[in-house]
Amino acid sequence: MKKILIVEDDIVLREELAKFLTHSSYQVDVLTDFQDVVSSILLSQVDMVLLDINLPNQNGEFILKKLRLESNVPVIMLTSYNNDSDEVLSMSYGADDYITKPYNPTILLLRMEAIWKRYDKNSTLLNYESIVLNMDRGIILFEGKDYYLTKNEMLILKYFILHRNKIVPREDLMRYLWDSEEFIDDNTLSVNISRLRRKLSEVGLVDVIETRKGIGYLLK
């Protein structure tokens, strides 16, 4: 039974959604204290988060951005406004989907299942040098310790490992991330690769991603 965390300050909507998901054979937790949402999500150990964009004194998109620094848990953003800029920003911060309230409960269930199918399809362990990339958990395993990756960092590292010792053009990498339903531009790619390099350095893999100027990257 998969466990869902609802982060929604509208009490009526929260209770209705919790009841519906429980009747749909999910285990449901609800968050009622919004002081430190990121820590609460990390402690909850859930399989998916339904995160409202407009929370008391907080912005759900900012919460998502902070969460993605530490966790790859699937997140569906919930909003009362049909706003393209909110959707683009949410997806760029690592949301798995975005749905406008009021929503059709059956559609929500289908979208949740689609996300898990996508995760299940990509779930695997990849070995590289002294580390293991755990795609299920979005982490690097090294000497018994977990090092968390953001979703983009995980996908980039996966692509590099699968194409090890081959030059990966930036265009191919960006196309792969778009196909994985990640919103990313040239600058965002550079930022994510810089972060990935730093995290690989933490486990002793220094300078393993080589930049080929004007071409792309090479994982040694």
N, C-alpha and C. Protein backbone atom coordinates (compact mmCIF):
# COMPACT_ATOMS: atom_id res chain seq x y z
N MET A 1 0.85 -1.20 0.00
CA MET A 1 0.00 0.00 0.00
C MET A 1 0.89 1.25 0.00
N LYS A 2 0.74 2.07 -1.03
CA LYS A 2 1.56 3.28 -1.12
C LYS A 2 1.04 4.35 -0.17
N LYS A 3 1.99 5.16 0.32
CA LYS A 3 1.67 6.16 1.32
C LYS A 3 1.75 7.56 0.70
N ILE A 4 0.68 8.34 0.89
CA ILE A 4 0.58 9.67 0.32
C ILE A 4 0.54 10.71 1.43
N LEU A 5 1.27 11.80 1.24
CA LEU A 5 1.21 12.92 2.18
C LEU A 5 0.51 14.09 1.50
N ILE A 6 -0.54 14.59 2.13
CA ILE A 6 -1.28 15.75 1.61
C ILE A 6 -0.82 16.99 2.36
N VAL A 7 -0.28 17.95 1.63
CA VAL A 7 0.14 19.23 2.21
C VAL A 7 -0.80 20.30 1.66
N GLU A 8 -1.88 20.52 2.38
CA GLU A 8 -2.98 21.38 1.92
C GLU A 8 -3.60 22.05 3.13
N ASP A 9 -3.72 23.40 3.10
CA ASP A 9 -4.23 24.11 4.27
C ASP A 9 -5.75 24.25 4.27
N ASP A 10 -6.40 23.98 3.14
CA ASP A 10 -7.86 24.00 3.08
C ASP A 10 -8.40 22.73 3.76
N ILE A 11 -8.96 22.90 4.95
CA ILE A 11 -9.35 21.75 5.76
C ILE A 11 -10.38 20.87 5.05
N VAL A 12 -11.39 21.49 4.46
CA VAL A 12 -12.44 20.72 3.78
C VAL A 12 -11.86 19.92 2.62
N LEU A 13 -11.09 20.58 1.78
CA LEU A 13 -10.49 19.91 0.63
C LEU A 13 -9.54 18.81 1.08
N ARG A 14 -8.75 19.11 2.11
CA ARG A 14 -7.79 18.14 2.63
C ARG A 14 -8.48 16.88 3.13
N GLU A 15 -9.56 17.05 3.88
CA GLU A 15 -10.27 15.89 4.42
C GLU A 15 -10.97 15.09 3.32
N GLU A 16 -11.55 15.80 2.35
CA GLU A 16 -12.20 15.10 1.23
C GLU A 16 -11.19 14.31 0.42
N LEU A 17 -10.04 14.90 0.18
CA LEU A 17 -9.00 14.22 -0.59
C LEU A 17 -8.45 13.02 0.17
N ALA A 18 -8.25 13.19 1.47
CA ALA A 18 -7.75 12.08 2.29
C ALA A 18 -8.73 10.92 2.30
N LYS A 19 -10.01 11.24 2.41
CA LYS A 19 -11.05 10.20 2.41
C LYS A 19 -11.09 9.48 1.07
N PHE A 20 -11.01 10.23 -0.01
CA PHE A 20 -11.05 9.64 -1.35
C PHE A 20 -9.85 8.71 -1.58
N LEU A 21 -8.65 9.17 -1.21
CA LEU A 21 -7.45 8.35 -1.42
C LEU A 21 -7.45 7.12 -0.53
N THR A 22 -7.97 7.25 0.69
CA THR A 22 -8.08 6.09 1.58
C THR A 22 -9.01 5.04 0.99
N HIS A 23 -10.13 5.49 0.44
CA HIS A 23 -11.07 4.56 -0.21
C HIS A 23 -10.49 3.98 -1.49
N SER A 24 -9.46 4.63 -2.02
CA SER A 24 -8.79 4.13 -3.23
C SER A 24 -7.59 3.25 -2.89
N SER A 25 -7.55 2.81 -1.63
CA SER A 25 -6.53 1.85 -1.16
C SER A 25 -5.14 2.45 -0.99
N TYR A 26 -5.07 3.73 -0.65
CA TYR A 26 -3.80 4.35 -0.32
C TYR A 26 -3.75 4.62 1.18
N GLN A 27 -2.56 4.59 1.73
CA GLN A 27 -2.35 5.03 3.10
C GLN A 27 -2.11 6.53 3.05
N VAL A 28 -2.82 7.29 3.86
CA VAL A 28 -2.79 8.75 3.74
C VAL A 28 -2.37 9.41 5.05
N ASP A 29 -1.43 10.35 4.93
CA ASP A 29 -1.07 11.24 6.03
C ASP A 29 -1.40 12.66 5.59
N VAL A 30 -1.77 13.52 6.54
CA VAL A 30 -2.02 14.92 6.23
C VAL A 30 -1.13 15.79 7.09
N LEU A 31 -0.67 16.89 6.51
CA LEU A 31 0.17 17.83 7.25
C LEU A 31 -0.69 19.00 7.70
N THR A 32 -0.66 19.29 8.99
CA THR A 32 -1.46 20.40 9.54
C THR A 32 -0.59 21.51 10.11
N ASP A 33 0.69 21.23 10.28
CA ASP A 33 1.63 22.23 10.79
C ASP A 33 2.55 22.61 9.64
N PHE A 34 2.51 23.88 9.22
CA PHE A 34 3.25 24.31 8.04
C PHE A 34 4.48 25.15 8.38
N GLN A 35 4.99 24.97 9.60
CA GLN A 35 6.16 25.75 10.02
C GLN A 35 7.43 25.31 9.29
N ASP A 36 7.63 24.01 9.15
CA ASP A 36 8.83 23.49 8.46
C ASP A 36 8.39 22.32 7.58
N VAL A 37 7.83 22.67 6.44
CA VAL A 37 7.22 21.65 5.57
C VAL A 37 8.26 20.69 5.02
N VAL A 38 9.41 21.19 4.61
CA VAL A 38 10.43 20.32 4.02
C VAL A 38 10.86 19.23 4.99
N SER A 39 11.15 19.62 6.23
CA SER A 39 11.56 18.63 7.24
C SER A 39 10.45 17.62 7.50
N SER A 40 9.21 18.10 7.54
CA SER A 40 8.07 17.20 7.76
C SER A 40 7.94 16.19 6.64
N ILE A 41 8.15 16.62 5.40
CA ILE A 41 8.07 15.70 4.26
C ILE A 41 9.19 14.66 4.34
N LEU A 42 10.40 15.10 4.66
CA LEU A 42 11.53 14.18 4.73
C LEU A 42 11.34 13.14 5.83
N LEU A 43 10.73 13.55 6.93
CA LEU A 43 10.51 12.63 8.04
C LEU A 43 9.34 11.68 7.78
N SER A 44 8.46 12.05 6.85
CA SER A 44 7.24 11.26 6.64
C SER A 44 7.48 9.94 5.93
N GLN A 45 8.58 9.84 5.16
CA GLN A 45 8.89 8.60 4.44
C GLN A 45 7.72 8.13 3.57
N VAL A 46 7.17 9.06 2.79
CA VAL A 46 6.01 8.72 1.95
C VAL A 46 6.44 8.39 0.53
N ASP A 47 5.49 7.87 -0.25
CA ASP A 47 5.76 7.51 -1.64
C ASP A 47 5.40 8.62 -2.61
N MET A 48 4.61 9.59 -2.15
CA MET A 48 4.23 10.73 -2.99
C MET A 48 3.72 11.86 -2.12
N VAL A 49 3.92 13.10 -2.60
CA VAL A 49 3.44 14.29 -1.89
C VAL A 49 2.49 15.05 -2.81
N LEU A 50 1.34 15.42 -2.29
CA LEU A 50 0.42 16.32 -2.98
C LEU A 50 0.59 17.67 -2.30
N LEU A 51 1.21 18.62 -2.98
CA LEU A 51 1.67 19.86 -2.36
C LEU A 51 0.93 21.08 -2.93
N ASP A 52 0.21 21.79 -2.06
CA ASP A 52 -0.49 22.99 -2.47
C ASP A 52 0.52 24.12 -2.69
N ILE A 53 0.31 24.91 -3.73
CA ILE A 53 1.22 26.01 -4.01
C ILE A 53 1.05 27.14 -3.00
N ASN A 54 -0.20 27.41 -2.60
CA ASN A 54 -0.47 28.54 -1.71
C ASN A 54 -0.72 28.05 -0.28
N LEU A 55 0.33 28.07 0.52
CA LEU A 55 0.24 27.67 1.92
C LEU A 55 0.37 28.90 2.81
N PRO A 56 -0.05 28.80 4.07
CA PRO A 56 0.05 29.97 4.98
C PRO A 56 1.47 30.49 5.10
N ASN A 57 1.67 31.72 4.64
CA ASN A 57 2.97 32.40 4.74
C ASN A 57 4.10 31.70 3.99
N GLN A 58 3.75 30.77 3.09
CA GLN A 58 4.77 30.04 2.35
C GLN A 58 4.33 29.82 0.92
N ASN A 59 5.31 29.60 0.06
CA ASN A 59 5.05 29.31 -1.34
C ASN A 59 5.44 27.87 -1.62
N GLY A 60 4.49 27.08 -2.14
CA GLY A 60 4.76 25.68 -2.39
C GLY A 60 5.89 25.44 -3.37
N GLU A 61 6.06 26.36 -4.31
CA GLU A 61 7.14 26.21 -5.28
C GLU A 61 8.51 26.34 -4.60
N PHE A 62 8.61 27.29 -3.66
CA PHE A 62 9.86 27.45 -2.91
C PHE A 62 10.12 26.22 -2.05
N ILE A 63 9.06 25.66 -1.45
CA ILE A 63 9.20 24.43 -0.66
C ILE A 63 9.70 23.30 -1.54
N LEU A 64 9.13 23.18 -2.74
CA LEU A 64 9.55 22.14 -3.68
C LEU A 64 11.02 22.29 -4.04
N LYS A 65 11.44 23.52 -4.31
CA LYS A 65 12.84 23.76 -4.68
C LYS A 65 13.78 23.31 -3.58
N LYS A 66 13.45 23.61 -2.32
CA LYS A 66 14.27 23.17 -1.19
C LYS A 66 14.22 21.66 -1.03
N LEU A 67 13.05 21.08 -1.23
CA LEU A 67 12.89 19.63 -1.08
C LEU A 67 13.76 18.88 -2.07
N ARG A 68 13.84 19.38 -3.30
CA ARG A 68 14.59 18.69 -4.35
C ARG A 68 16.10 18.67 -4.10
N LEU A 69 16.56 19.47 -3.15
CA LEU A 69 17.97 19.41 -2.77
C LEU A 69 18.26 18.18 -1.94
N GLU A 70 17.21 17.57 -1.38
CA GLU A 70 17.41 16.45 -0.46
C GLU A 70 16.60 15.20 -0.79
N SER A 71 15.62 15.32 -1.64
CA SER A 71 14.74 14.17 -1.88
C SER A 71 14.22 14.16 -3.31
N ASN A 72 14.04 12.93 -3.82
CA ASN A 72 13.49 12.74 -5.16
C ASN A 72 12.06 12.19 -5.09
N VAL A 73 11.40 12.33 -3.94
CA VAL A 73 10.05 11.81 -3.77
C VAL A 73 9.13 12.43 -4.83
N PRO A 74 8.25 11.66 -5.48
CA PRO A 74 7.32 12.23 -6.45
C PRO A 74 6.42 13.29 -5.82
N VAL A 75 6.25 14.41 -6.54
CA VAL A 75 5.44 15.53 -6.04
C VAL A 75 4.47 15.99 -7.13
N ILE A 76 3.21 16.09 -6.77
CA ILE A 76 2.21 16.71 -7.64
C ILE A 76 1.82 18.04 -7.00
N MET A 77 1.94 19.12 -7.74
CA MET A 77 1.59 20.44 -7.23
C MET A 77 0.10 20.68 -7.43
N LEU A 78 -0.53 21.25 -6.41
CA LEU A 78 -1.96 21.57 -6.44
C LEU A 78 -2.13 23.08 -6.39
N THR A 79 -3.01 23.62 -7.22
CA THR A 79 -3.23 25.06 -7.22
C THR A 79 -4.66 25.40 -7.58
N SER A 80 -5.12 26.54 -7.09
CA SER A 80 -6.46 27.02 -7.41
C SER A 80 -6.46 27.89 -8.65
N TYR A 81 -5.26 28.20 -9.17
CA TYR A 81 -5.16 29.11 -10.30
C TYR A 81 -4.59 28.39 -11.52
N ASN A 82 -5.20 28.62 -12.66
CA ASN A 82 -4.72 28.07 -13.92
C ASN A 82 -3.71 29.05 -14.51
N ASN A 83 -2.49 28.96 -14.03
CA ASN A 83 -1.46 29.94 -14.36
C ASN A 83 -0.28 29.24 -15.02
N ASP A 84 0.00 29.59 -16.28
CA ASP A 84 1.08 28.94 -17.02
C ASP A 84 2.43 29.15 -16.35
N SER A 85 2.67 30.35 -15.82
CA SER A 85 3.97 30.62 -15.21
C SER A 85 4.19 29.77 -13.96
N ASP A 86 3.12 29.55 -13.18
CA ASP A 86 3.24 28.67 -12.02
C ASP A 86 3.56 27.25 -12.44
N GLU A 87 2.93 26.80 -13.51
CA GLU A 87 3.16 25.43 -13.98
C GLU A 87 4.60 25.27 -14.47
N VAL A 88 5.07 26.23 -15.25
CA VAL A 88 6.44 26.16 -15.76
C VAL A 88 7.45 26.19 -14.61
N LEU A 89 7.22 27.07 -13.64
CA LEU A 89 8.13 27.18 -12.50
C LEU A 89 8.13 25.90 -11.68
N SER A 90 6.94 25.34 -11.44
CA SER A 90 6.84 24.10 -10.66
C SER A 90 7.59 22.96 -11.35
N MET A 91 7.41 22.83 -12.66
CA MET A 91 8.07 21.76 -13.38
C MET A 91 9.58 21.97 -13.42
N SER A 92 10.01 23.23 -13.53
CA SER A 92 11.44 23.51 -13.56
C SER A 92 12.09 23.22 -12.21
N TYR A 93 11.31 23.32 -11.12
CA TYR A 93 11.83 23.02 -9.79
C TYR A 93 11.78 21.54 -9.46
N GLY A 94 11.21 20.73 -10.35
CA GLY A 94 11.24 19.29 -10.15
C GLY A 94 9.92 18.64 -9.82
N ALA A 95 8.80 19.35 -10.06
CA ALA A 95 7.49 18.71 -9.85
C ALA A 95 7.29 17.60 -10.88
N ASP A 96 6.60 16.55 -10.48
CA ASP A 96 6.30 15.46 -11.41
C ASP A 96 5.03 15.71 -12.19
N ASP A 97 4.14 16.53 -11.63
CA ASP A 97 2.92 16.91 -12.33
C ASP A 97 2.34 18.12 -11.65
N TYR A 98 1.31 18.68 -12.27
CA TYR A 98 0.71 19.94 -11.83
C TYR A 98 -0.77 19.84 -12.15
N ILE A 99 -1.63 20.08 -11.15
CA ILE A 99 -3.06 19.93 -11.40
C ILE A 99 -3.81 21.09 -10.75
N THR A 100 -4.83 21.58 -11.47
CA THR A 100 -5.59 22.74 -11.01
C THR A 100 -6.86 22.31 -10.27
N LYS A 101 -7.12 22.94 -9.14
CA LYS A 101 -8.34 22.69 -8.38
C LYS A 101 -9.48 23.54 -8.92
N PRO A 102 -10.73 23.06 -8.87
CA PRO A 102 -11.13 21.71 -8.46
C PRO A 102 -10.79 20.70 -9.55
N TYR A 103 -10.31 19.55 -9.15
CA TYR A 103 -9.87 18.55 -10.10
C TYR A 103 -10.76 17.32 -10.02
N ASN A 104 -10.78 16.60 -11.11
CA ASN A 104 -11.51 15.34 -11.17
C ASN A 104 -10.71 14.28 -10.40
N PRO A 105 -11.26 13.69 -9.34
CA PRO A 105 -10.50 12.71 -8.54
C PRO A 105 -9.97 11.54 -9.37
N THR A 106 -10.75 11.10 -10.35
CA THR A 106 -10.29 9.99 -11.19
C THR A 106 -9.08 10.39 -12.01
N ILE A 107 -9.09 11.62 -12.51
CA ILE A 107 -7.94 12.13 -13.27
C ILE A 107 -6.70 12.19 -12.38
N LEU A 108 -6.90 12.63 -11.13
CA LEU A 108 -5.78 12.68 -10.19
C LEU A 108 -5.20 11.29 -9.98
N LEU A 109 -6.05 10.29 -9.79
CA LEU A 109 -5.57 8.92 -9.61
C LEU A 109 -4.77 8.45 -10.82
N LEU A 110 -5.27 8.75 -12.01
CA LEU A 110 -4.58 8.32 -13.24
C LEU A 110 -3.22 8.98 -13.35
N ARG A 111 -3.15 10.24 -12.97
CA ARG A 111 -1.86 10.94 -13.03
C ARG A 111 -0.88 10.38 -12.01
N MET A 112 -1.38 10.04 -10.83
CA MET A 112 -0.53 9.43 -9.82
C MET A 112 0.03 8.10 -10.31
N GLU A 113 -0.83 7.28 -10.91
CA GLU A 113 -0.38 5.98 -11.42
C GLU A 113 0.61 6.15 -12.55
N ALA A 114 0.41 7.16 -13.39
CA ALA A 114 1.33 7.41 -14.50
C ALA A 114 2.72 7.76 -13.99
N ILE A 115 2.78 8.52 -12.91
CA ILE A 115 4.07 8.88 -12.32
C ILE A 115 4.78 7.65 -11.80
N TRP A 116 4.05 6.79 -11.10
CA TRP A 116 4.69 5.58 -10.57
C TRP A 116 5.14 4.63 -11.66
N LYS A 117 4.39 4.55 -12.73
CA LYS A 117 4.81 3.72 -13.86
C LYS A 117 6.11 4.23 -14.45
N ARG A 118 6.22 5.56 -14.53
CA ARG A 118 7.43 6.17 -15.05
C ARG A 118 8.62 5.88 -14.12
N TYR A 119 8.38 5.97 -12.83
CA TYR A 119 9.45 5.68 -11.87
C TYR A 119 9.83 4.21 -11.91
N ASP A 120 8.82 3.33 -11.98
CA ASP A 120 9.09 1.90 -12.01
C ASP A 120 9.87 1.51 -13.26
N LYS A 121 9.55 2.15 -14.37
CA LYS A 121 10.23 1.85 -15.64
C LYS A 121 11.70 2.22 -15.55
N ASN A 122 11.99 3.29 -14.83
CA ASN A 122 13.37 3.77 -14.75
C ASN A 122 14.10 3.27 -13.50
N SER A 123 13.42 2.50 -12.65
CA SER A 123 14.05 2.08 -11.40
C SER A 123 15.13 1.05 -11.66
N THR A 124 16.31 1.35 -11.18
CA THR A 124 17.43 0.44 -11.39
C THR A 124 18.60 0.90 -10.54
N LEU A 125 19.61 0.06 -10.45
CA LEU A 125 20.86 0.41 -9.79
C LEU A 125 21.94 0.47 -10.85
N LEU A 126 22.70 1.54 -10.86
CA LEU A 126 23.78 1.69 -11.81
C LEU A 126 25.10 1.84 -11.06
N ASN A 127 26.09 1.09 -11.47
CA ASN A 127 27.39 1.13 -10.82
C ASN A 127 28.37 1.99 -11.62
N TYR A 128 29.13 2.78 -10.89
CA TYR A 128 30.19 3.57 -11.51
C TYR A 128 31.32 3.75 -10.50
N GLU A 129 32.50 3.26 -10.87
CA GLU A 129 33.65 3.33 -9.98
C GLU A 129 33.29 2.80 -8.59
N SER A 130 33.42 3.65 -7.55
CA SER A 130 33.18 3.20 -6.17
C SER A 130 31.77 3.49 -5.68
N ILE A 131 30.89 3.95 -6.57
CA ILE A 131 29.54 4.34 -6.13
C ILE A 131 28.47 3.51 -6.82
N VAL A 132 27.27 3.54 -6.23
CA VAL A 132 26.09 2.96 -6.84
C VAL A 132 25.03 4.05 -6.92
N LEU A 133 24.47 4.24 -8.11
CA LEU A 133 23.37 5.19 -8.28
C LEU A 133 22.07 4.42 -8.11
N ASN A 134 21.32 4.77 -7.07
CA ASN A 134 20.04 4.15 -6.79
C ASN A 134 18.95 5.04 -7.36
N MET A 135 18.38 4.65 -8.51
CA MET A 135 17.37 5.46 -9.18
C MET A 135 16.05 5.48 -8.42
N ASP A 136 15.78 4.43 -7.66
CA ASP A 136 14.54 4.37 -6.89
C ASP A 136 14.50 5.46 -5.82
N ARG A 137 15.64 5.70 -5.20
CA ARG A 137 15.71 6.62 -4.08
C ARG A 137 16.36 7.95 -4.42
N GLY A 138 16.93 8.06 -5.61
CA GLY A 138 17.56 9.29 -6.01
C GLY A 138 18.80 9.60 -5.19
N ILE A 139 19.61 8.57 -4.95
CA ILE A 139 20.79 8.76 -4.10
C ILE A 139 22.01 8.08 -4.72
N ILE A 140 23.17 8.55 -4.27
CA ILE A 140 24.43 7.85 -4.52
C ILE A 140 24.78 7.09 -3.24
N LEU A 141 25.12 5.83 -3.38
CA LEU A 141 25.56 5.01 -2.26
C LEU A 141 27.08 4.92 -2.30
N PHE A 142 27.73 5.28 -1.19
CA PHE A 142 29.19 5.23 -1.12
C PHE A 142 29.62 4.90 0.29
N GLU A 143 30.28 3.76 0.43
CA GLU A 143 30.80 3.31 1.73
C GLU A 143 29.72 3.32 2.80
N GLY A 144 28.53 2.83 2.46
CA GLY A 144 27.44 2.69 3.40
C GLY A 144 26.68 3.96 3.71
N LYS A 145 27.02 5.06 3.05
CA LYS A 145 26.34 6.33 3.28
C LYS A 145 25.52 6.73 2.06
N ASP A 146 24.45 7.52 2.30
CA ASP A 146 23.58 8.00 1.24
C ASP A 146 23.91 9.46 0.94
N TYR A 147 24.04 9.76 -0.35
CA TYR A 147 24.25 11.14 -0.80
C TYR A 147 23.11 11.47 -1.76
N TYR A 148 22.27 12.42 -1.35
CA TYR A 148 21.04 12.69 -2.11
C TYR A 148 21.33 13.55 -3.34
N LEU A 149 20.62 13.22 -4.42
CA LEU A 149 20.67 13.98 -5.66
C LEU A 149 19.31 14.60 -5.94
N THR A 150 19.31 15.73 -6.61
CA THR A 150 18.05 16.25 -7.13
C THR A 150 17.65 15.38 -8.32
N LYS A 151 16.42 15.56 -8.78
CA LYS A 151 15.95 14.75 -9.89
C LYS A 151 16.79 14.97 -11.14
N ASN A 152 17.10 16.23 -11.46
CA ASN A 152 17.91 16.51 -12.64
C ASN A 152 19.31 15.93 -12.52
N GLU A 153 19.91 16.07 -11.33
CA GLU A 153 21.25 15.52 -11.11
C GLU A 153 21.25 14.01 -11.31
N MET A 154 20.22 13.35 -10.80
CA MET A 154 20.11 11.89 -10.95
C MET A 154 20.02 11.49 -12.42
N LEU A 155 19.17 12.19 -13.17
CA LEU A 155 18.99 11.85 -14.58
C LEU A 155 20.25 12.13 -15.39
N ILE A 156 20.93 13.22 -15.08
CA ILE A 156 22.17 13.55 -15.78
C ILE A 156 23.23 12.49 -15.51
N LEU A 157 23.38 12.11 -14.23
CA LEU A 157 24.37 11.10 -13.89
C LEU A 157 24.04 9.77 -14.55
N LYS A 158 22.77 9.40 -14.57
CA LYS A 158 22.36 8.17 -15.24
C LYS A 158 22.77 8.20 -16.71
N TYR A 159 22.50 9.31 -17.38
CA TYR A 159 22.82 9.41 -18.80
C TYR A 159 24.33 9.33 -19.03
N PHE A 160 25.09 9.98 -18.16
CA PHE A 160 26.55 9.92 -18.27
C PHE A 160 27.06 8.48 -18.09
N ILE A 161 26.52 7.78 -17.09
CA ILE A 161 26.98 6.41 -16.83
C ILE A 161 26.66 5.51 -18.02
N LEU A 162 25.46 5.67 -18.57
CA LEU A 162 25.07 4.84 -19.71
C LEU A 162 25.89 5.16 -20.95
N HIS A 163 26.51 6.34 -20.98
CA HIS A 163 27.34 6.74 -22.14
C HIS A 163 28.78 6.99 -21.70
N ARG A 164 29.23 6.23 -20.74
CA ARG A 164 30.57 6.43 -20.20
C ARG A 164 31.63 6.29 -21.29
N ASN A 165 32.66 7.16 -21.20
CA ASN A 165 33.78 7.18 -22.15
C ASN A 165 33.36 7.59 -23.56
N LYS A 166 32.18 8.20 -23.66
CA LYS A 166 31.73 8.75 -24.94
C LYS A 166 31.38 10.23 -24.72
N ILE A 167 31.66 11.04 -25.71
CA ILE A 167 31.30 12.45 -25.60
C ILE A 167 29.78 12.59 -25.69
N VAL A 168 29.20 13.28 -24.72
CA VAL A 168 27.76 13.53 -24.69
C VAL A 168 27.52 14.98 -25.08
N PRO A 169 26.99 15.27 -26.26
CA PRO A 169 26.69 16.65 -26.64
C PRO A 169 25.65 17.26 -25.70
N ARG A 170 25.79 18.54 -25.44
CA ARG A 170 24.83 19.23 -24.57
C ARG A 170 23.41 19.09 -25.11
N GLU A 171 23.28 19.17 -26.44
CA GLU A 171 21.96 19.09 -27.06
C GLU A 171 21.30 17.74 -26.78
N ASP A 172 22.10 16.66 -26.83
CA ASP A 172 21.55 15.33 -26.56
C ASP A 172 21.10 15.21 -25.11
N LEU A 173 21.89 15.78 -24.21
CA LEU A 173 21.56 15.71 -22.79
C LEU A 173 20.30 16.51 -22.49
N MET A 174 20.17 17.69 -23.07
CA MET A 174 18.97 18.50 -22.86
C MET A 174 17.74 17.82 -23.45
N ARG A 175 17.92 17.19 -24.61
CA ARG A 175 16.80 16.47 -25.23
C ARG A 175 16.36 15.30 -24.36
N TYR A 176 17.33 14.61 -23.76
CA TYR A 176 17.02 13.48 -22.86
C TYR A 176 16.23 13.96 -21.65
N LEU A 177 16.62 15.10 -21.08
CA LEU A 177 15.91 15.62 -19.92
C LEU A 177 14.51 16.09 -20.29
N TRP A 178 14.36 16.68 -21.46
CA TRP A 178 13.02 17.06 -21.92
C TRP A 178 12.15 15.83 -22.11
N ASP A 179 12.72 14.75 -22.70
CA ASP A 179 11.96 13.51 -22.89
C ASP A 179 11.56 12.89 -21.57
N SER A 180 12.34 13.17 -20.52
CA SER A 180 12.02 12.68 -19.18
C SER A 180 11.06 13.63 -18.47
N GLU A 181 10.50 14.58 -19.23
CA GLU A 181 9.52 15.53 -18.73
C GLU A 181 10.10 16.50 -17.71
N GLU A 182 11.40 16.81 -17.90
CA GLU A 182 12.04 17.81 -17.05
C GLU A 182 12.19 19.10 -17.85
N PHE A 183 11.70 20.21 -17.29
CA PHE A 183 11.88 21.51 -17.93
C PHE A 183 13.30 21.98 -17.64
N ILE A 184 14.09 22.22 -18.72
CA ILE A 184 15.48 22.61 -18.51
C ILE A 184 15.96 23.43 -19.69
N ASP A 185 16.76 24.47 -19.41
CA ASP A 185 17.36 25.25 -20.48
C ASP A 185 18.88 25.16 -20.35
N ASP A 186 19.61 25.87 -21.22
CA ASP A 186 21.05 25.75 -21.26
C ASP A 186 21.71 26.14 -19.95
N ASN A 187 21.23 27.25 -19.34
CA ASN A 187 21.80 27.70 -18.09
C ASN A 187 21.51 26.73 -16.95
N THR A 188 20.27 26.21 -16.92
CA THR A 188 19.89 25.25 -15.87
C THR A 188 20.74 23.99 -15.97
N LEU A 189 21.05 23.56 -17.19
CA LEU A 189 21.89 22.39 -17.38
C LEU A 189 23.27 22.63 -16.78
N SER A 190 23.85 23.79 -17.04
CA SER A 190 25.18 24.10 -16.51
C SER A 190 25.19 24.10 -14.99
N VAL A 191 24.15 24.68 -14.40
CA VAL A 191 24.04 24.72 -12.93
C VAL A 191 23.95 23.31 -12.36
N ASN A 192 23.13 22.46 -12.98
CA ASN A 192 22.95 21.09 -12.47
C ASN A 192 24.23 20.27 -12.60
N ILE A 193 24.97 20.46 -13.67
CA ILE A 193 26.22 19.72 -13.84
C ILE A 193 27.26 20.18 -12.82
N SER A 194 27.29 21.47 -12.53
CA SER A 194 28.21 21.98 -11.51
C SER A 194 27.89 21.38 -10.14
N ARG A 195 26.60 21.30 -9.82
CA ARG A 195 26.18 20.70 -8.55
C ARG A 195 26.52 19.22 -8.50
N LEU A 196 26.31 18.53 -9.62
CA LEU A 196 26.63 17.10 -9.68
C LEU A 196 28.12 16.88 -9.49
N ARG A 197 28.94 17.72 -10.09
CA ARG A 197 30.39 17.61 -9.92
C ARG A 197 30.78 17.73 -8.44
N ARG A 198 30.17 18.71 -7.77
CA ARG A 198 30.48 18.90 -6.35
C ARG A 198 30.10 17.68 -5.53
N LYS A 199 28.95 17.09 -5.82
CA LYS A 199 28.50 15.93 -5.05
C LYS A 199 29.37 14.70 -5.34
N LEU A 200 29.82 14.56 -6.59
CA LEU A 200 30.73 13.46 -6.90
C LEU A 200 32.07 13.66 -6.21
N SER A 201 32.50 14.91 -6.08
CA SER A 201 33.76 15.20 -5.38
C SER A 201 33.67 14.79 -3.91
N GLU A 202 32.46 14.90 -3.32
CA GLU A 202 32.28 14.53 -1.92
C GLU A 202 32.56 13.05 -1.68
N VAL A 203 32.40 12.23 -2.73
CA VAL A 203 32.66 10.79 -2.58
C VAL A 203 33.98 10.40 -3.25
N GLY A 204 34.84 11.38 -3.44
CA GLY A 204 36.18 11.11 -3.96
C GLY A 204 36.31 11.03 -5.46
N LEU A 205 35.23 11.32 -6.19
CA LEU A 205 35.29 11.27 -7.66
C LEU A 205 35.47 12.69 -8.18
N VAL A 206 36.71 13.12 -8.19
CA VAL A 206 37.06 14.49 -8.55
C VAL A 206 37.40 14.56 -10.04
N ASP A 207 36.84 15.56 -10.72
CA ASP A 207 37.15 15.80 -12.14
C ASP A 207 36.86 14.61 -13.04
N VAL A 208 35.82 13.85 -12.71
CA VAL A 208 35.49 12.70 -13.56
C VAL A 208 34.59 13.11 -14.74
N ILE A 209 33.95 14.29 -14.62
CA ILE A 209 33.15 14.81 -15.74
C ILE A 209 33.99 15.86 -16.45
N GLU A 210 34.42 15.52 -17.64
CA GLU A 210 35.30 16.41 -18.41
C GLU A 210 34.48 17.24 -19.40
N THR A 211 34.74 18.54 -19.44
CA THR A 211 34.06 19.42 -20.39
C THR A 211 34.84 19.46 -21.69
N ARG A 212 34.17 19.15 -22.78
CA ARG A 212 34.76 19.30 -24.11
C ARG A 212 34.18 20.57 -24.72
N LYS A 213 34.94 21.64 -24.70
CA LYS A 213 34.46 22.96 -25.08
C LYS A 213 33.83 22.96 -26.47
N GLY A 214 32.62 23.49 -26.52
CA GLY A 214 31.93 23.59 -27.79
C GLY A 214 31.29 22.30 -28.26
N ILE A 215 31.47 21.22 -27.46
CA ILE A 215 30.92 19.91 -27.87
C ILE A 215 29.98 19.37 -26.81
N GLY A 216 30.51 19.13 -25.61
CA GLY A 216 29.66 18.55 -24.55
C GLY A 216 30.50 18.07 -23.39
N TYR A 217 30.21 16.86 -22.91
CA TYR A 217 30.84 16.33 -21.71
C TYR A 217 31.27 14.88 -21.92
N LEU A 218 32.24 14.46 -21.09
CA LEU A 218 32.72 13.09 -21.14
C LEU A 218 32.89 12.59 -19.72
N LEU A 219 32.21 11.50 -19.37
CA LEU A 219 32.40 10.85 -18.07
C LEU A 219 33.51 9.83 -18.25
N LYS A 220 34.60 10.02 -17.52
CA LYS A 220 35.77 9.14 -17.68
C LYS A 220 35.54 7.77 -17.06
